[in-house]
Amino acid sequence: MDYRRLILALLQVYSWLIIARVVLAWVNPFPRNHFLQQIIRVTEPVLAPLRGLIPLGKIDLSPLLALVLIQILMRFIR
């Protein structure tokens, strides 16, 4: 398998994990849900540093910024 295709696939999966985290935050499931905890554990290292870049009070735009940056990176890799 080509390394570029592997990296693109991993970035796509990570994008879906970020989207799942956002949707689950809206639904607000049981906070101790193991699935939700795993998604947070995987996505937080990317979202935490981005959280301070766009301060808008209680609105967290870090997932949107992360998705945009991932898309830019994916276009660069292609």
C-alpha atoms as a PDB file:
ATOM      1  CA  MET A   1       0.000   0.000   0.000  1.00  0.00           C
ATOM      2  CA  ASP A   2       1.215   3.436  -0.877  1.00  0.00           C
ATOM      3  CA  TYR A   3       2.165   5.541   2.161  1.00  0.00           C
ATOM      4  CA  ARG A   4       0.216   8.525   0.871  1.00  0.00           C
ATOM      5  CA  ARG A   5      -2.976   6.488   0.648  1.00  0.00           C
ATOM      6  CA  LEU A   6      -2.432   5.177   4.171  1.00  0.00           C
ATOM      7  CA  ILE A   7      -1.894   8.680   5.566  1.00  0.00           C
ATOM      8  CA  LEU A   8      -4.947   9.985   3.708  1.00  0.00           C
ATOM      9  CA  ALA A   9      -7.054   7.128   5.072  1.00  0.00           C
ATOM     10  CA  LEU A  10      -5.869   7.793   8.635  1.00  0.00           C
ATOM     11  CA  LEU A  11      -6.609  11.496   8.291  1.00  0.00           C
ATOM     12  CA  GLN A  12     -10.090  10.662   6.995  1.00  0.00           C
ATOM     13  CA  VAL A  13     -10.745   8.367   9.957  1.00  0.00           C
ATOM     14  CA  TYR A  14      -9.524  11.079  12.326  1.00  0.00           C
ATOM     15  CA  SER A  15     -11.901  13.553  10.679  1.00  0.00           C
ATOM     16  CA  TRP A  16     -14.789  11.172  11.301  1.00  0.00           C
ATOM     17  CA  LEU A  17     -13.732  10.802  14.934  1.00  0.00           C
ATOM     18  CA  ILE A  18     -13.815  14.579  15.366  1.00  0.00           C
ATOM     19  CA  ILE A  19     -17.272  14.728  13.776  1.00  0.00           C
ATOM     20  CA  ALA A  20     -18.463  11.912  16.055  1.00  0.00           C
ATOM     21  CA  ARG A  21     -17.164  13.816  19.071  1.00  0.00           C
ATOM     22  CA  VAL A  22     -19.050  16.948  18.047  1.00  0.00           C
ATOM     23  CA  VAL A  23     -22.292  15.042  17.466  1.00  0.00           C
ATOM     24  CA  LEU A  24     -21.959  13.178  20.757  1.00  0.00           C
ATOM     25  CA  ALA A  25     -21.349  16.488  22.550  1.00  0.00           C
ATOM     26  CA  TRP A  26     -24.680  17.764  21.196  1.00  0.00           C
ATOM     27  CA  VAL A  27     -26.521  14.597  22.178  1.00  0.00           C
ATOM     28  CA  ASN A  28     -24.763  14.583  25.566  1.00  0.00           C
ATOM     29  CA  PRO A  29     -24.777  10.845  26.296  1.00  0.00           C
ATOM     30  CA  PHE A  30     -23.802   9.353  29.610  1.00  0.00           C
ATOM     31  CA  PRO A  31     -20.373  10.954  30.299  1.00  0.00           C
ATOM     32  CA  ARG A  32     -18.807   7.693  31.421  1.00  0.00           C
ATOM     33  CA  ASN A  33     -19.628   6.019  28.141  1.00  0.00           C
ATOM     34  CA  HIS A  34     -16.513   4.018  27.197  1.00  0.00           C
ATOM     35  CA  PHE A  35     -16.924   4.776  23.474  1.00  0.00           C
ATOM     36  CA  LEU A  36     -17.141   8.534  24.120  1.00  0.00           C
ATOM     37  CA  GLN A  37     -14.138   8.417  26.450  1.00  0.00           C
ATOM     38  CA  GLN A  38     -12.057   6.704  23.741  1.00  0.00           C
ATOM     39  CA  ILE A  39     -13.029   9.317  21.152  1.00  0.00           C
ATOM     40  CA  ILE A  40     -12.118  12.124  23.554  1.00  0.00           C
ATOM     41  CA  ARG A  41      -8.794  10.458  24.379  1.00  0.00           C
ATOM     42  CA  VAL A  42      -7.900  10.191  20.679  1.00  0.00           C
ATOM     43  CA  THR A  43      -9.056  13.649  19.552  1.00  0.00           C
ATOM     44  CA  GLU A  44      -8.090  15.799  22.546  1.00  0.00           C
ATOM     45  CA  PRO A  45      -4.339  16.001  21.716  1.00  0.00           C
ATOM     46  CA  VAL A  46      -5.226  17.820  18.478  1.00  0.00           C
ATOM     47  CA  LEU A  47      -8.201  19.839  19.698  1.00  0.00           C
ATOM     48  CA  ALA A  48      -6.693  21.138  22.964  1.00  0.00           C
ATOM     49  CA  PRO A  49      -3.953  23.284  21.365  1.00  0.00           C
ATOM     50  CA  LEU A  50      -6.411  24.660  18.801  1.00  0.00           C
ATOM     51  CA  ARG A  51      -8.970  25.595  21.447  1.00  0.00           C
ATOM     52  CA  GLY A  52      -7.103  28.743  22.470  1.00  0.00           C
ATOM     53  CA  LEU A  53      -6.583  30.043  18.938  1.00  0.00           C
ATOM     54  CA  ILE A  54     -10.191  31.128  18.394  1.00  0.00           C
ATOM     55  CA  PRO A  55     -11.641  32.334  21.700  1.00  0.00           C
ATOM     56  CA  LEU A  56     -15.390  32.929  21.362  1.00  0.00           C
ATOM     57  CA  GLY A  57     -16.583  32.501  24.913  1.00  0.00           C
ATOM     58  CA  LYS A  58     -18.411  29.211  25.341  1.00  0.00           C
ATOM     59  CA  ILE A  59     -18.396  28.333  21.640  1.00  0.00           C
ATOM     60  CA  ASP A  60     -15.670  25.815  20.851  1.00  0.00           C
ATOM     61  CA  LEU A  61     -14.571  26.097  17.225  1.00  0.00           C
ATOM     62  CA  SER A  62     -11.522  23.866  17.612  1.00  0.00           C
ATOM     63  CA  PRO A  63     -13.207  20.894  15.847  1.00  0.00           C
ATOM     64  CA  LEU A  64     -14.041  23.099  12.860  1.00  0.00           C
ATOM     65  CA  LEU A  65     -10.490  24.447  12.722  1.00  0.00           C
ATOM     66  CA  ALA A  66      -9.075  20.925  13.031  1.00  0.00           C
ATOM     67  CA  LEU A  67     -11.264  19.667  10.185  1.00  0.00           C
ATOM     68  CA  VAL A  68     -10.201  22.564   7.955  1.00  0.00           C
ATOM     69  CA  LEU A  69      -6.518  21.949   8.724  1.00  0.00           C
ATOM     70  CA  ILE A  70      -6.918  18.219   8.048  1.00  0.00           C
ATOM     71  CA  GLN A  71      -8.563  18.964   4.696  1.00  0.00           C
ATOM     72  CA  ILE A  72      -5.727  21.340   3.762  1.00  0.00           C
ATOM     73  CA  LEU A  73      -3.178  18.704   4.760  1.00  0.00           C
ATOM     74  CA  MET A  74      -5.010  16.053   2.728  1.00  0.00           C
ATOM     75  CA  ARG A  75      -5.019  18.281  -0.366  1.00  0.00           C
ATOM     76  CA  PHE A  76      -1.308  18.934   0.108  1.00  0.00           C
ATOM     77  CA  ILE A  77      -0.574  15.199   0.347  1.00  0.00           C
ATOM     78  CA  ARG A  78      -2.553  14.357  -2.791  1.00  0.00           C
END
